[in-house]
């Protein structure tokens, strides 16, 4: 749990370090050719956001390797979406990982003026475990009420199954003197609830010894 909390803190406070670390990890798990292809594709997506083009970046990987690749691509290139596709050829099943432009990312970038905030938001939303409650604050001081409403609706539309959001005003304090009266949106992950087993359900509340 401690490492998960540290990861969430890094998304908020030192996202660039996470992104740099992800690039180093990608250089280890991808060949030089594949990594170059991925970087060039990411540059292409920056220019052609609505393109439906996708590239294969991995195959014949273990579950742990696939999870690692998905996570590091999202951290290094938050505007790319990865997906695993099962391919059956000559009676052999192979898992292929593809990368493509993330349309949801660009929808948020149209509403949030700071791309860094969109980067952090999407990585926070796609955080793997979701086993502990966590929050992320997004500064919306430059957005009017109508724009903030659109952001909330977009969050609900795409991520509402496990995220909830609410607008707050910065508190009156010396640390936030420059932002008093301005707003931020707090986004909260609802932690997954583990359903009790039949054995746990049958266990009495006040056992006798």
C-alpha atoms as a PDB file:
ATOM      1  CA  UNK A   1       0.000   0.000   0.000  1.00  0.00           C
ATOM      2  CA  UNK A   2       2.888   2.341   0.771  1.00  0.00           C
ATOM      3  CA  UNK A   3       4.332   2.073  -2.754  1.00  0.00           C
ATOM      4  CA  UNK A   4       0.888   2.784  -4.217  1.00  0.00           C
ATOM      5  CA  UNK A   5       0.577   5.925  -2.102  1.00  0.00           C
ATOM      6  CA  UNK A   6       4.031   7.037  -3.230  1.00  0.00           C
ATOM      7  CA  UNK A   7       3.053   6.509  -6.865  1.00  0.00           C
ATOM      8  CA  UNK A   8      -0.065   8.664  -6.471  1.00  0.00           C
ATOM      9  CA  UNK A   9       1.999  11.368  -4.753  1.00  0.00           C
ATOM     10  CA  UNK A  10       4.470  11.326  -7.640  1.00  0.00           C
ATOM     11  CA  UNK A  11       1.664  11.787 -10.182  1.00  0.00           C
ATOM     12  CA  UNK A  12       0.685  14.946  -8.330  1.00  0.00           C
ATOM     13  CA  UNK A  13       4.079  16.346  -7.375  1.00  0.00           C
ATOM     14  CA  UNK A  14       6.772  14.959  -9.671  1.00  0.00           C
ATOM     15  CA  UNK A  15       5.125  13.576 -12.768  1.00  0.00           C
ATOM     16  CA  UNK A  16       8.125  14.359 -14.987  1.00  0.00           C
ATOM     17  CA  UNK A  17      10.268  11.967 -12.966  1.00  0.00           C
ATOM     18  CA  UNK A  18       7.686   9.234 -13.493  1.00  0.00           C
ATOM     19  CA  UNK A  19       7.617   9.941 -17.231  1.00  0.00           C
ATOM     20  CA  UNK A  20      11.426   9.895 -17.464  1.00  0.00           C
ATOM     21  CA  UNK A  21      11.533   6.621 -15.546  1.00  0.00           C
ATOM     22  CA  UNK A  22       8.922   5.132 -17.865  1.00  0.00           C
ATOM     23  CA  UNK A  23      11.046   5.994 -20.909  1.00  0.00           C
ATOM     24  CA  UNK A  24      14.022   4.222 -19.330  1.00  0.00           C
ATOM     25  CA  UNK A  25      11.845   1.178 -18.669  1.00  0.00           C
ATOM     26  CA  UNK A  26      10.606   1.181 -22.268  1.00  0.00           C
ATOM     27  CA  UNK A  27      14.198   1.223 -23.513  1.00  0.00           C
ATOM     28  CA  UNK A  28      14.720  -2.007 -21.578  1.00  0.00           C
ATOM     29  CA  UNK A  29      11.557  -3.888 -22.567  1.00  0.00           C
ATOM     30  CA  UNK A  30      11.437  -2.788 -26.228  1.00  0.00           C
ATOM     31  CA  UNK A  31      14.033  -3.236 -28.924  1.00  0.00           C
ATOM     32  CA  UNK A  32      15.701  -0.097 -30.282  1.00  0.00           C
ATOM     33  CA  UNK A  33      13.682  -0.449 -33.473  1.00  0.00           C
ATOM     34  CA  UNK A  34      10.363  -0.800 -31.635  1.00  0.00           C
ATOM     35  CA  UNK A  35      11.135   2.081 -29.284  1.00  0.00           C
ATOM     36  CA  UNK A  36      12.058   4.331 -32.210  1.00  0.00           C
ATOM     37  CA  UNK A  37       8.838   3.315 -33.972  1.00  0.00           C
ATOM     38  CA  UNK A  38       6.832   4.132 -30.829  1.00  0.00           C
ATOM     39  CA  UNK A  39       8.480   7.559 -30.411  1.00  0.00           C
ATOM     40  CA  UNK A  40       7.868   8.411 -34.071  1.00  0.00           C
ATOM     41  CA  UNK A  41       4.261   7.255 -33.774  1.00  0.00           C
ATOM     42  CA  UNK A  42       3.764   9.414 -30.668  1.00  0.00           C
ATOM     43  CA  UNK A  43       5.041  12.418 -32.644  1.00  0.00           C
ATOM     44  CA  UNK A  44       2.637  11.545 -35.467  1.00  0.00           C
ATOM     45  CA  UNK A  45      -0.297  11.417 -33.035  1.00  0.00           C
ATOM     46  CA  UNK A  46       0.630  14.856 -31.664  1.00  0.00           C
ATOM     47  CA  UNK A  47       0.065  16.241 -35.179  1.00  0.00           C
ATOM     48  CA  UNK A  48      -2.813  14.017 -36.304  1.00  0.00           C
ATOM     49  CA  UNK A  49      -4.854  13.630 -33.142  1.00  0.00           C
ATOM     50  CA  UNK A  50      -7.936  12.149 -34.807  1.00  0.00           C
ATOM     51  CA  UNK A  51      -6.033   9.507 -36.745  1.00  0.00           C
ATOM     52  CA  UNK A  52      -7.259   5.931 -36.287  1.00  0.00           C
ATOM     53  CA  UNK A  53      -3.810   4.550 -37.121  1.00  0.00           C
ATOM     54  CA  UNK A  54      -2.335   2.083 -34.625  1.00  0.00           C
ATOM     55  CA  UNK A  55       0.926   0.165 -34.334  1.00  0.00           C
ATOM     56  CA  UNK A  56       1.896  -3.125 -32.715  1.00  0.00           C
ATOM     57  CA  UNK A  57       4.464  -2.609 -29.964  1.00  0.00           C
ATOM     58  CA  UNK A  58       4.640  -6.040 -28.357  1.00  0.00           C
ATOM     59  CA  UNK A  59       3.788  -9.722 -28.720  1.00  0.00           C
ATOM     60  CA  UNK A  60       4.325 -13.030 -26.931  1.00  0.00           C
ATOM     61  CA  UNK A  61       4.648 -11.346 -23.544  1.00  0.00           C
ATOM     62  CA  UNK A  62       3.790 -12.629 -20.086  1.00  0.00           C
ATOM     63  CA  UNK A  63       0.952 -11.022 -18.141  1.00  0.00           C
ATOM     64  CA  UNK A  64       3.452  -9.102 -16.000  1.00  0.00           C
ATOM     65  CA  UNK A  65       5.322  -7.870 -19.084  1.00  0.00           C
ATOM     66  CA  UNK A  66       2.065  -6.738 -20.717  1.00  0.00           C
ATOM     67  CA  UNK A  67       1.018  -4.857 -17.573  1.00  0.00           C
ATOM     68  CA  UNK A  68       4.442  -3.198 -17.384  1.00  0.00           C
ATOM     69  CA  UNK A  69       4.291  -2.155 -21.051  1.00  0.00           C
ATOM     70  CA  UNK A  70       0.764  -0.722 -20.755  1.00  0.00           C
ATOM     71  CA  UNK A  71       1.742   1.263 -17.663  1.00  0.00           C
ATOM     72  CA  UNK A  72       5.003   2.669 -19.038  1.00  0.00           C
ATOM     73  CA  UNK A  73       3.508   3.728 -22.371  1.00  0.00           C
ATOM     74  CA  UNK A  74       0.746   5.582 -20.520  1.00  0.00           C
ATOM     75  CA  UNK A  75       3.280   7.344 -18.288  1.00  0.00           C
ATOM     76  CA  UNK A  76       5.705   8.220 -21.090  1.00  0.00           C
ATOM     77  CA  UNK A  77       3.015   9.147 -23.630  1.00  0.00           C
ATOM     78  CA  UNK A  78      -0.243   9.961 -21.781  1.00  0.00           C
ATOM     79  CA  UNK A  79      -2.033  10.718 -25.071  1.00  0.00           C
ATOM     80  CA  UNK A  80      -1.536   7.142 -26.311  1.00  0.00           C
ATOM     81  CA  UNK A  81      -3.899   4.318 -25.468  1.00  0.00           C
ATOM     82  CA  UNK A  82      -2.754   0.708 -25.444  1.00  0.00           C
ATOM     83  CA  UNK A  83      -4.829  -2.419 -25.849  1.00  0.00           C
ATOM     84  CA  UNK A  84      -4.193  -6.146 -25.852  1.00  0.00           C
ATOM     85  CA  UNK A  85      -5.685  -8.118 -28.734  1.00  0.00           C
ATOM     86  CA  UNK A  86      -5.762 -11.896 -28.824  1.00  0.00           C
ATOM     87  CA  UNK A  87      -4.728 -13.260 -32.211  1.00  0.00           C
ATOM     88  CA  UNK A  88      -5.300 -16.832 -33.327  1.00  0.00           C
ATOM     89  CA  UNK A  89      -3.098 -17.993 -36.144  1.00  0.00           C
ATOM     90  CA  UNK A  90      -2.457 -21.605 -37.086  1.00  0.00           C
ATOM     91  CA  UNK A  91      -4.131 -22.781 -33.874  1.00  0.00           C
ATOM     92  CA  UNK A  92      -1.742 -20.694 -31.760  1.00  0.00           C
ATOM     93  CA  UNK A  93      -3.020 -17.910 -29.538  1.00  0.00           C
ATOM     94  CA  UNK A  94      -0.865 -14.803 -29.332  1.00  0.00           C
ATOM     95  CA  UNK A  95      -1.413 -11.601 -27.365  1.00  0.00           C
ATOM     96  CA  UNK A  96      -0.532  -8.487 -29.337  1.00  0.00           C
ATOM     97  CA  UNK A  97      -0.276  -5.017 -27.786  1.00  0.00           C
ATOM     98  CA  UNK A  98      -1.242  -2.055 -29.952  1.00  0.00           C
ATOM     99  CA  UNK A  99      -0.866   1.689 -29.349  1.00  0.00           C
ATOM    100  CA  UNK A 100      -3.144   4.352 -30.788  1.00  0.00           C
ATOM    101  CA  UNK A 101      -4.302   7.898 -30.147  1.00  0.00           C
ATOM    102  CA  UNK A 102      -6.442   8.317 -27.023  1.00  0.00           C
ATOM    103  CA  UNK A 103      -9.498  10.330 -28.068  1.00  0.00           C
ATOM    104  CA  UNK A 104     -10.465  10.931 -24.428  1.00  0.00           C
ATOM    105  CA  UNK A 105      -7.112  12.626 -23.793  1.00  0.00           C
ATOM    106  CA  UNK A 106      -7.721  15.164 -26.556  1.00  0.00           C
ATOM    107  CA  UNK A 107     -11.248  15.853 -25.298  1.00  0.00           C
ATOM    108  CA  UNK A 108      -9.799  16.866 -21.937  1.00  0.00           C
ATOM    109  CA  UNK A 109      -7.005  18.870 -23.559  1.00  0.00           C
ATOM    110  CA  UNK A 110      -9.649  21.004 -25.296  1.00  0.00           C
ATOM    111  CA  UNK A 111     -11.051  21.962 -21.877  1.00  0.00           C
ATOM    112  CA  UNK A 112      -7.902  22.160 -19.746  1.00  0.00           C
ATOM    113  CA  UNK A 113      -5.410  24.780 -20.920  1.00  0.00           C
ATOM    114  CA  UNK A 114      -2.437  23.024 -19.293  1.00  0.00           C
ATOM    115  CA  UNK A 115      -1.377  19.783 -21.001  1.00  0.00           C
ATOM    116  CA  UNK A 116       0.590  18.779 -17.889  1.00  0.00           C
ATOM    117  CA  UNK A 117      -2.689  18.586 -15.995  1.00  0.00           C
ATOM    118  CA  UNK A 118      -4.219  16.368 -18.676  1.00  0.00           C
ATOM    119  CA  UNK A 119      -1.146  14.112 -18.495  1.00  0.00           C
ATOM    120  CA  UNK A 120      -1.493  13.709 -14.743  1.00  0.00           C
ATOM    121  CA  UNK A 121      -5.265  13.258 -14.928  1.00  0.00           C
ATOM    122  CA  UNK A 122      -5.167  10.414 -17.463  1.00  0.00           C
ATOM    123  CA  UNK A 123      -2.329   8.609 -15.689  1.00  0.00           C
ATOM    124  CA  UNK A 124      -4.145   8.967 -12.382  1.00  0.00           C
ATOM    125  CA  UNK A 125      -7.358   7.627 -13.954  1.00  0.00           C
ATOM    126  CA  UNK A 126      -5.584   4.626 -15.475  1.00  0.00           C
ATOM    127  CA  UNK A 127      -3.657   3.820 -12.320  1.00  0.00           C
ATOM    128  CA  UNK A 128      -3.704   0.023 -12.238  1.00  0.00           C
ATOM    129  CA  UNK A 129      -4.671  -1.196  -8.773  1.00  0.00           C
ATOM    130  CA  UNK A 130      -7.282   1.237  -7.393  1.00  0.00           C
ATOM    131  CA  UNK A 131      -7.140  -0.666  -4.125  1.00  0.00           C
ATOM    132  CA  UNK A 132      -6.903   2.421  -1.933  1.00  0.00           C
ATOM    133  CA  UNK A 133      -8.818   5.728  -2.078  1.00  0.00           C
ATOM    134  CA  UNK A 134      -6.791   8.499  -3.701  1.00  0.00           C
ATOM    135  CA  UNK A 135      -7.344  12.087  -4.833  1.00  0.00           C
ATOM    136  CA  UNK A 136      -5.888  14.389  -7.466  1.00  0.00           C
ATOM    137  CA  UNK A 137      -6.389  18.164  -7.646  1.00  0.00           C
ATOM    138  CA  UNK A 138      -6.691  19.884 -11.017  1.00  0.00           C
ATOM    139  CA  UNK A 139      -6.342  23.669 -11.132  1.00  0.00           C
ATOM    140  CA  UNK A 140      -9.248  25.223 -13.055  1.00  0.00           C
ATOM    141  CA  UNK A 141      -8.691  28.854 -12.084  1.00  0.00           C
ATOM    142  CA  UNK A 142      -8.747  29.906 -15.737  1.00  0.00           C
ATOM    143  CA  UNK A 143     -12.013  28.054 -16.468  1.00  0.00           C
ATOM    144  CA  UNK A 144     -15.448  29.609 -16.090  1.00  0.00           C
ATOM    145  CA  UNK A 145     -18.429  27.804 -14.574  1.00  0.00           C
ATOM    146  CA  UNK A 146     -19.569  26.444 -17.931  1.00  0.00           C
ATOM    147  CA  UNK A 147     -16.135  24.961 -18.671  1.00  0.00           C
ATOM    148  CA  UNK A 148     -15.929  23.408 -15.207  1.00  0.00           C
ATOM    149  CA  UNK A 149     -19.335  21.816 -15.752  1.00  0.00           C
ATOM    150  CA  UNK A 150     -18.119  20.335 -19.045  1.00  0.00           C
ATOM    151  CA  UNK A 151     -15.049  18.899 -17.287  1.00  0.00           C
ATOM    152  CA  UNK A 152     -17.245  17.243 -14.635  1.00  0.00           C
ATOM    153  CA  UNK A 153     -19.531  15.802 -17.320  1.00  0.00           C
ATOM    154  CA  UNK A 154     -16.582  14.488 -19.307  1.00  0.00           C
ATOM    155  CA  UNK A 155     -15.154  12.828 -16.198  1.00  0.00           C
ATOM    156  CA  UNK A 156     -18.522  11.231 -15.496  1.00  0.00           C
ATOM    157  CA  UNK A 157     -18.961  10.107 -19.108  1.00  0.00           C
ATOM    158  CA  UNK A 158     -15.614   8.381 -19.547  1.00  0.00           C
ATOM    159  CA  UNK A 159     -14.410   7.618 -16.012  1.00  0.00           C
ATOM    160  CA  UNK A 160     -17.518   7.825 -13.853  1.00  0.00           C
ATOM    161  CA  UNK A 161     -17.548   4.130 -12.999  1.00  0.00           C
ATOM    162  CA  UNK A 162     -14.642   4.585 -10.587  1.00  0.00           C
ATOM    163  CA  UNK A 163     -14.017   8.356 -10.313  1.00  0.00           C
ATOM    164  CA  UNK A 164     -15.977  11.190  -8.783  1.00  0.00           C
ATOM    165  CA  UNK A 165     -15.228  14.914  -8.891  1.00  0.00           C
ATOM    166  CA  UNK A 166     -16.152  18.121  -7.107  1.00  0.00           C
ATOM    167  CA  UNK A 167     -15.164  21.793  -7.451  1.00  0.00           C
ATOM    168  CA  UNK A 168     -13.606  23.607  -4.482  1.00  0.00           C
ATOM    169  CA  UNK A 169     -12.255  27.100  -3.874  1.00  0.00           C
ATOM    170  CA  UNK A 170      -8.679  27.452  -2.648  1.00  0.00           C
ATOM    171  CA  UNK A 171      -8.681  28.126   1.105  1.00  0.00           C
ATOM    172  CA  UNK A 172      -7.620  31.470   2.522  1.00  0.00           C
ATOM    173  CA  UNK A 173      -4.060  30.880   3.703  1.00  0.00           C
ATOM    174  CA  UNK A 174      -0.580  32.293   3.268  1.00  0.00           C
ATOM    175  CA  UNK A 175       0.442  29.294   1.156  1.00  0.00           C
ATOM    176  CA  UNK A 176      -2.412  29.907  -1.277  1.00  0.00           C
ATOM    177  CA  UNK A 177      -2.504  33.703  -1.081  1.00  0.00           C
ATOM    178  CA  UNK A 178      -2.197  34.077  -4.858  1.00  0.00           C
ATOM    179  CA  UNK A 179      -5.068  31.639  -5.488  1.00  0.00           C
ATOM    180  CA  UNK A 180      -7.620  32.699  -2.894  1.00  0.00           C
ATOM    181  CA  UNK A 181     -11.046  32.809  -4.524  1.00  0.00           C
ATOM    182  CA  UNK A 182      -9.900  30.661  -7.447  1.00  0.00           C
ATOM    183  CA  UNK A 183     -11.025  27.094  -8.069  1.00  0.00           C
ATOM    184  CA  UNK A 184      -9.725  23.559  -8.383  1.00  0.00           C
ATOM    185  CA  UNK A 185     -11.419  20.254  -9.144  1.00  0.00           C
ATOM    186  CA  UNK A 186     -10.698  17.397  -6.793  1.00  0.00           C
ATOM    187  CA  UNK A 187     -10.907  13.969  -8.421  1.00  0.00           C
ATOM    188  CA  UNK A 188     -11.264  10.936  -6.199  1.00  0.00           C
ATOM    189  CA  UNK A 189     -10.794   7.260  -6.997  1.00  0.00           C
ATOM    190  CA  UNK A 190     -13.344   5.028  -5.370  1.00  0.00           C
ATOM    191  CA  UNK A 191     -11.352   2.060  -4.140  1.00  0.00           C
ATOM    192  CA  UNK A 192     -12.431  -1.385  -5.250  1.00  0.00           C
ATOM    193  CA  UNK A 193     -14.415  -3.150  -2.555  1.00  0.00           C
ATOM    194  CA  UNK A 194     -13.512  -6.774  -1.996  1.00  0.00           C
ATOM    195  CA  UNK A 195     -16.661  -8.824  -1.593  1.00  0.00           C
ATOM    196  CA  UNK A 196     -16.665 -10.991   1.526  1.00  0.00           C
ATOM    197  CA  UNK A 197     -16.428 -14.740   0.981  1.00  0.00           C
ATOM    198  CA  UNK A 198     -19.131 -17.141   2.143  1.00  0.00           C
ATOM    199  CA  UNK A 199     -16.894 -18.081   5.064  1.00  0.00           C
ATOM    200  CA  UNK A 200     -16.522 -14.421   6.060  1.00  0.00           C
ATOM    201  CA  UNK A 201     -20.291 -13.855   5.773  1.00  0.00           C
ATOM    202  CA  UNK A 202     -21.058 -16.788   8.067  1.00  0.00           C
ATOM    203  CA  UNK A 203     -18.550 -15.658  10.696  1.00  0.00           C
ATOM    204  CA  UNK A 204     -20.417 -14.229  13.751  1.00  0.00           C
ATOM    205  CA  UNK A 205     -19.855 -10.626  14.714  1.00  0.00           C
ATOM    206  CA  UNK A 206     -19.121 -11.530  18.337  1.00  0.00           C
ATOM    207  CA  UNK A 207     -17.455 -14.943  18.328  1.00  0.00           C
ATOM    208  CA  UNK A 208     -17.338 -16.906  21.567  1.00  0.00           C
ATOM    209  CA  UNK A 209     -14.260 -18.749  22.704  1.00  0.00           C
END
